[in-house]
């Protein structure tokens, strides 16, 4: 699976391999945020590509209030 313009709905990628750019491949095993809060259904932006396949993700919805 590939992201579109740097965005990827990670809840659809759990258990799958995901390509970031042309040559970085990661497998998404599960999603959780601060204090173990699940991030299912939230789109996150791939903010930084770190070495050794580690991704640092930024939650685009963290400043929005939840209903």
PDB file of N, CA and C in Angstrom:
ATOM      1  N   UNK A   1       0.846  -1.185   0.000  1.00  0.00           N
ATOM      2  CA  UNK A   1       0.000   0.000   0.000  1.00  0.00           C
ATOM      3  C   UNK A   1       0.882   1.236   0.000  1.00  0.00           C
ATOM      4  N   UNK A   2       0.400   2.283  -0.610  1.00  0.00           N
ATOM      5  CA  UNK A   2       1.144   3.541  -0.624  1.00  0.00           C
ATOM      6  C   UNK A   2       0.271   4.645  -0.077  1.00  0.00           C
ATOM      7  N   UNK A   3       0.909   5.610   0.556  1.00  0.00           N
ATOM      8  CA  UNK A   3       0.180   6.774   1.027  1.00  0.00           C
ATOM      9  C   UNK A   3      -0.067   7.731  -0.126  1.00  0.00           C
ATOM     10  N   UNK A   4      -0.996   8.628   0.071  1.00  0.00           N
ATOM     11  CA  UNK A   4      -1.316   9.612  -0.956  1.00  0.00           C
ATOM     12  C   UNK A   4      -0.881  10.980  -0.453  1.00  0.00           C
ATOM     13  N   UNK A   5       0.168  11.522  -1.043  1.00  0.00           N
ATOM     14  CA  UNK A   5       0.650  12.843  -0.639  1.00  0.00           C
ATOM     15  C   UNK A   5       1.168  12.877   0.783  1.00  0.00           C
ATOM     16  N   UNK A   6       1.688  11.763   1.269  1.00  0.00           N
ATOM     17  CA  UNK A   6       2.241  11.719   2.614  1.00  0.00           C
ATOM     18  C   UNK A   6       1.224  11.329   3.674  1.00  0.00           C
ATOM     19  N   UNK A   7      -0.024  11.103   3.273  1.00  0.00           N
ATOM     20  CA  UNK A   7      -1.048  10.728   4.240  1.00  0.00           C
ATOM     21  C   UNK A   7      -1.445   9.276   4.033  1.00  0.00           C
ATOM     22  N   UNK A   8      -1.755   8.613   5.096  1.00  0.00           N
ATOM     23  CA  UNK A   8      -2.050   7.195   5.052  1.00  0.00           C
ATOM     24  C   UNK A   8      -3.031   6.904   6.173  1.00  0.00           C
ATOM     25  N   UNK A   9      -4.116   6.214   5.866  1.00  0.00           N
ATOM     26  CA  UNK A   9      -5.033   5.803   6.932  1.00  0.00           C
ATOM     27  C   UNK A   9      -4.490   4.509   7.516  1.00  0.00           C
ATOM     28  N   UNK A  10      -3.808   4.618   8.645  1.00  0.00           N
ATOM     29  CA  UNK A  10      -3.073   3.479   9.171  1.00  0.00           C
ATOM     30  C   UNK A  10      -3.976   2.373   9.682  1.00  0.00           C
ATOM     31  N   UNK A  11      -5.221   2.692  10.040  1.00  0.00           N
ATOM     32  CA  UNK A  11      -6.088   1.638  10.547  1.00  0.00           C
ATOM     33  C   UNK A  11      -6.361   0.585   9.474  1.00  0.00           C
ATOM     34  N   UNK A  12      -6.249   0.964   8.204  1.00  0.00           N
ATOM     35  CA  UNK A  12      -6.439   0.008   7.123  1.00  0.00           C
ATOM     36  C   UNK A  12      -5.161  -0.756   6.812  1.00  0.00           C
ATOM     37  N   UNK A  13      -4.056  -0.400   7.454  1.00  0.00           N
ATOM     38  CA  UNK A  13      -2.765  -0.994   7.130  1.00  0.00           C
ATOM     39  C   UNK A  13      -2.268  -1.961   8.195  1.00  0.00           C
ATOM     40  N   UNK A  14      -3.022  -2.157   9.264  1.00  0.00           N
ATOM     41  CA  UNK A  14      -2.558  -3.039  10.325  1.00  0.00           C
ATOM     42  C   UNK A  14      -2.384  -4.446   9.762  1.00  0.00           C
ATOM     43  N   UNK A  15      -1.224  -5.023  10.034  1.00  0.00           N
ATOM     44  CA  UNK A  15      -0.924  -6.356   9.540  1.00  0.00           C
ATOM     45  C   UNK A  15      -0.395  -6.384   8.119  1.00  0.00           C
ATOM     46  N   UNK A  16      -0.227  -5.224   7.495  1.00  0.00           N
ATOM     47  CA  UNK A  16       0.254  -5.169   6.114  1.00  0.00           C
ATOM     48  C   UNK A  16       1.590  -4.445   6.046  1.00  0.00           C
ATOM     49  N   UNK A  17       2.291  -4.712   4.963  1.00  0.00           N
ATOM     50  CA  UNK A  17       3.512  -3.965   4.700  1.00  0.00           C
ATOM     51  C   UNK A  17       3.155  -2.702   3.934  1.00  0.00           C
ATOM     52  N   UNK A  18       3.815  -1.623   4.297  1.00  0.00           N
ATOM     53  CA  UNK A  18       3.532  -0.320   3.705  1.00  0.00           C
ATOM     54  C   UNK A  18       4.838   0.253   3.166  1.00  0.00           C
ATOM     55  N   UNK A  19       4.794   0.769   1.952  1.00  0.00           N
ATOM     56  CA  UNK A  19       5.963   1.422   1.374  1.00  0.00           C
ATOM     57  C   UNK A  19       5.874   2.923   1.621  1.00  0.00           C
ATOM     58  N   UNK A  20       6.977   3.479   2.121  1.00  0.00           N
ATOM     59  CA  UNK A  20       7.074   4.920   2.318  1.00  0.00           C
ATOM     60  C   UNK A  20       8.116   5.406   1.320  1.00  0.00           C
ATOM     61  N   UNK A  21       7.731   6.247   0.414  1.00  0.00           N
ATOM     62  CA  UNK A  21       8.658   6.654  -0.637  1.00  0.00           C
ATOM     63  C   UNK A  21       8.912   5.481  -1.568  1.00  0.00           C
ATOM     64  N   UNK A  22      10.115   5.391  -2.101  1.00  0.00           N
ATOM     65  CA  UNK A  22      10.422   4.349  -3.077  1.00  0.00           C
ATOM     66  C   UNK A  22      11.088   3.126  -2.470  1.00  0.00           C
ATOM     67  N   UNK A  23      11.748   3.288  -1.334  1.00  0.00           N
ATOM     68  CA  UNK A  23      12.582   2.178  -0.877  1.00  0.00           C
ATOM     69  C   UNK A  23      12.475   1.851   0.605  1.00  0.00           C
ATOM     70  N   UNK A  24      11.564   2.473   1.309  1.00  0.00           N
ATOM     71  CA  UNK A  24      11.408   2.173   2.732  1.00  0.00           C
ATOM     72  C   UNK A  24      10.124   1.380   2.913  1.00  0.00           C
ATOM     73  N   UNK A  25      10.231   0.205   3.519  1.00  0.00           N
ATOM     74  CA  UNK A  25       9.068  -0.631   3.742  1.00  0.00           C
ATOM     75  C   UNK A  25       8.957  -0.931   5.224  1.00  0.00           C
ATOM     76  N   UNK A  26       7.764  -0.735   5.768  1.00  0.00           N
ATOM     77  CA  UNK A  26       7.534  -1.048   7.175  1.00  0.00           C
ATOM     78  C   UNK A  26       6.283  -1.893   7.271  1.00  0.00           C
ATOM     79  N   UNK A  27       6.166  -2.628   8.375  1.00  0.00           N
ATOM     80  CA  UNK A  27       4.948  -3.385   8.621  1.00  0.00           C
ATOM     81  C   UNK A  27       4.266  -2.797   9.839  1.00  0.00           C
ATOM     82  N   UNK A  28       2.977  -2.509   9.688  1.00  0.00           N
ATOM     83  CA  UNK A  28       2.204  -1.915  10.771  1.00  0.00           C
ATOM     84  C   UNK A  28       1.604  -3.056  11.595  1.00  0.00           C
ATOM     85  N   UNK A  29       2.012  -3.162  12.864  1.00  0.00           N
ATOM     86  CA  UNK A  29       1.509  -4.232  13.717  1.00  0.00           C
ATOM     87  C   UNK A  29       0.326  -3.801  14.556  1.00  0.00           C
ATOM     88  N   UNK A  30       0.297  -2.557  14.944  1.00  0.00           N
ATOM     89  CA  UNK A  30      -0.798  -2.058  15.763  1.00  0.00           C
ATOM     90  C   UNK A  30      -0.618  -0.568  15.974  1.00  0.00           C
ATOM     91  N   UNK A  31      -1.675   0.067  16.411  1.00  0.00           N
ATOM     92  CA  UNK A  31      -1.640   1.516  16.560  1.00  0.00           C
ATOM     93  C   UNK A  31      -2.050   1.896  17.972  1.00  0.00           C
ATOM     94  N   UNK A  32      -1.275   2.771  18.585  1.00  0.00           N
ATOM     95  CA  UNK A  32      -1.713   3.337  19.846  1.00  0.00           C
ATOM     96  C   UNK A  32      -1.033   4.683  20.024  1.00  0.00           C
ATOM     97  N   UNK A  33      -1.701   5.535  20.748  1.00  0.00           N
ATOM     98  CA  UNK A  33      -1.189   6.872  20.981  1.00  0.00           C
ATOM     99  C   UNK A  33      -0.719   7.006  22.416  1.00  0.00           C
ATOM    100  N   UNK A  34      -0.689   8.236  22.916  1.00  0.00           N
ATOM    101  CA  UNK A  34      -0.264   8.462  24.296  1.00  0.00           C
ATOM    102  C   UNK A  34      -1.126   7.667  25.276  1.00  0.00           C
ATOM    103  N   UNK A  35      -0.477   7.061  26.248  1.00  0.00           N
ATOM    104  CA  UNK A  35      -1.152   6.282  27.292  1.00  0.00           C
ATOM    105  C   UNK A  35      -1.959   5.128  26.705  1.00  0.00           C
ATOM    106  N   UNK A  36      -1.543   4.619  25.534  1.00  0.00           N
ATOM    107  CA  UNK A  36      -2.172   3.437  24.981  1.00  0.00           C
ATOM    108  C   UNK A  36      -3.525   3.652  24.335  1.00  0.00           C
ATOM    109  N   UNK A  37      -3.892   4.916  24.087  1.00  0.00           N
ATOM    110  CA  UNK A  37      -5.179   5.194  23.459  1.00  0.00           C
ATOM    111  C   UNK A  37      -5.116   4.755  21.993  1.00  0.00           C
ATOM    112  N   UNK A  38      -6.039   3.903  21.545  1.00  0.00           N
ATOM    113  CA  UNK A  38      -5.999   3.443  20.156  1.00  0.00           C
ATOM    114  C   UNK A  38      -6.200   4.590  19.171  1.00  0.00           C
ATOM    115  N   UNK A  39      -5.549   4.475  18.019  1.00  0.00           N
ATOM    116  CA  UNK A  39      -5.659   5.493  16.988  1.00  0.00           C
ATOM    117  C   UNK A  39      -6.453   4.989  15.784  1.00  0.00           C
ATOM    118  N   UNK A  40      -7.219   3.924  15.969  1.00  0.00           N
ATOM    119  CA  UNK A  40      -7.956   3.353  14.853  1.00  0.00           C
ATOM    120  C   UNK A  40      -8.839   4.399  14.198  1.00  0.00           C
ATOM    121  N   UNK A  41      -8.790   4.452  12.874  1.00  0.00           N
ATOM    122  CA  UNK A  41      -9.645   5.346  12.125  1.00  0.00           C
ATOM    123  C   UNK A  41      -9.119   6.756  11.988  1.00  0.00           C
ATOM    124  N   UNK A  42      -7.983   7.051  12.607  1.00  0.00           N
ATOM    125  CA  UNK A  42      -7.425   8.397  12.502  1.00  0.00           C
ATOM    126  C   UNK A  42      -6.326   8.392  11.436  1.00  0.00           C
ATOM    127  N   UNK A  43      -6.348   9.353  10.555  1.00  0.00           N
ATOM    128  CA  UNK A  43      -5.259   9.501   9.588  1.00  0.00           C
ATOM    129  C   UNK A  43      -4.116  10.251  10.260  1.00  0.00           C
ATOM    130  N   UNK A  44      -2.918   9.736  10.107  1.00  0.00           N
ATOM    131  CA  UNK A  44      -1.755  10.427  10.658  1.00  0.00           C
ATOM    132  C   UNK A  44      -0.823  10.795   9.523  1.00  0.00           C
ATOM    133  N   UNK A  45      -0.086  11.850   9.713  1.00  0.00           N
ATOM    134  CA  UNK A  45       0.852  12.310   8.695  1.00  0.00           C
ATOM    135  C   UNK A  45       2.226  11.720   9.003  1.00  0.00           C
ATOM    136  N   UNK A  46       2.887  11.226   7.960  1.00  0.00           N
ATOM    137  CA  UNK A  46       4.242  10.725   8.136  1.00  0.00           C
ATOM    138  C   UNK A  46       5.170  11.937   8.155  1.00  0.00           C
ATOM    139  N   UNK A  47       5.575  12.332   9.347  1.00  0.00           N
ATOM    140  CA  UNK A  47       6.279  13.597   9.497  1.00  0.00           C
ATOM    141  C   UNK A  47       7.777  13.462   9.267  1.00  0.00           C
ATOM    142  N   UNK A  48       8.369  12.408   9.791  1.00  0.00           N
ATOM    143  CA  UNK A  48       9.821  12.264   9.749  1.00  0.00           C
ATOM    144  C   UNK A  48      10.170  10.829   9.384  1.00  0.00           C
ATOM    145  N   UNK A  49      11.103  10.657   8.470  1.00  0.00           N
ATOM    146  CA  UNK A  49      11.642   9.334   8.181  1.00  0.00           C
ATOM    147  C   UNK A  49      12.940   9.187   8.972  1.00  0.00           C
ATOM    148  N   UNK A  50      12.954   8.275   9.905  1.00  0.00           N
ATOM    149  CA  UNK A  50      14.121   8.067  10.741  1.00  0.00           C
ATOM    150  C   UNK A  50      14.878   6.825  10.241  1.00  0.00           C
ATOM    151  N   UNK A  51      16.134   6.651  10.655  1.00  0.00           N
ATOM    152  CA  UNK A  51      16.919   5.499  10.212  1.00  0.00           C
ATOM    153  C   UNK A  51      16.335   4.175  10.680  1.00  0.00           C
ATOM    154  N   UNK A  52      16.732   3.114  10.028  1.00  0.00           N
ATOM    155  CA  UNK A  52      16.399   1.738  10.396  1.00  0.00           C
ATOM    156  C   UNK A  52      14.897   1.471  10.355  1.00  0.00           C
ATOM    157  N   UNK A  53      14.201   2.110   9.451  1.00  0.00           N
ATOM    158  CA  UNK A  53      12.785   1.796   9.273  1.00  0.00           C
ATOM    159  C   UNK A  53      11.876   2.334  10.358  1.00  0.00           C
ATOM    160  N   UNK A  54      12.395   3.178  11.247  1.00  0.00           N
ATOM    161  CA  UNK A  54      11.576   3.729  12.317  1.00  0.00           C
ATOM    162  C   UNK A  54      10.870   4.977  11.801  1.00  0.00           C
ATOM    163  N   UNK A  55       9.581   5.062  12.029  1.00  0.00           N
ATOM    164  CA  UNK A  55       8.830   6.236  11.608  1.00  0.00           C
ATOM    165  C   UNK A  55       8.356   7.010  12.818  1.00  0.00           C
ATOM    166  N   UNK A  56       8.456   8.319  12.746  1.00  0.00           N
ATOM    167  CA  UNK A  56       7.890   9.185  13.773  1.00  0.00           C
ATOM    168  C   UNK A  56       6.630   9.786  13.172  1.00  0.00           C
ATOM    169  N   UNK A  57       5.509   9.552  13.808  1.00  0.00           N
ATOM    170  CA  UNK A  57       4.218   9.961  13.264  1.00  0.00           C
ATOM    171  C   UNK A  57       3.671  11.139  14.044  1.00  0.00           C
ATOM    172  N   UNK A  58       3.023  12.049  13.331  1.00  0.00           N
ATOM    173  CA  UNK A  58       2.371  13.177  13.988  1.00  0.00           C
ATOM    174  C   UNK A  58       0.882  13.054  13.743  1.00  0.00           C
ATOM    175  N   UNK A  59       0.105  13.135  14.808  1.00  0.00           N
ATOM    176  CA  UNK A  59      -1.347  13.020  14.709  1.00  0.00           C
ATOM    177  C   UNK A  59      -1.914  14.358  14.245  1.00  0.00           C
ATOM    178  N   UNK A  60      -2.515  14.348  13.062  1.00  0.00           N
ATOM    179  CA  UNK A  60      -3.062  15.587  12.508  1.00  0.00           C
ATOM    180  C   UNK A  60      -4.309  16.051  13.262  1.00  0.00           C
ATOM    181  N   UNK A  61      -4.926  15.166  14.044  1.00  0.00           N
ATOM    182  CA  UNK A  61      -6.168  15.505  14.728  1.00  0.00           C
ATOM    183  C   UNK A  61      -5.967  15.816  16.207  1.00  0.00           C
ATOM    184  N   UNK A  62      -4.715  15.867  16.656  1.00  0.00           N
ATOM    185  CA  UNK A  62      -4.498  15.987  18.096  1.00  0.00           C
ATOM    186  C   UNK A  62      -4.978  17.316  18.663  1.00  0.00           C
ATOM    187  N   UNK A  63      -5.040  18.353  17.830  1.00  0.00           N
ATOM    188  CA  UNK A  63      -5.495  19.653  18.325  1.00  0.00           C
ATOM    189  C   UNK A  63      -7.005  19.843  18.197  1.00  0.00           C
ATOM    190  N   UNK A  64      -7.664  18.883  17.549  1.00  0.00           N
ATOM    191  CA  UNK A  64      -9.115  18.994  17.382  1.00  0.00           C
ATOM    192  C   UNK A  64      -9.819  18.311  18.550  1.00  0.00           C
ATOM    193  N   UNK A  65     -10.943  18.862  18.946  1.00  0.00           N
ATOM    194  CA  UNK A  65     -11.705  18.251  20.026  1.00  0.00           C
ATOM    195  C   UNK A  65     -12.493  17.069  19.484  1.00  0.00           C
ATOM    196  N   UNK A  66     -12.568  16.025  20.297  1.00  0.00           N
ATOM    197  CA  UNK A  66     -13.353  14.862  19.897  1.00  0.00           C
ATOM    198  C   UNK A  66     -14.803  15.081  20.312  1.00  0.00           C
ATOM    199  N   UNK A  67     -15.734  14.607  19.493  1.00  0.00           N
ATOM    200  CA  UNK A  67     -17.158  14.786  19.828  1.00  0.00           C
ATOM    201  C   UNK A  67     -17.558  14.000  21.062  1.00  0.00           C
TER     202      UNK A  67
END
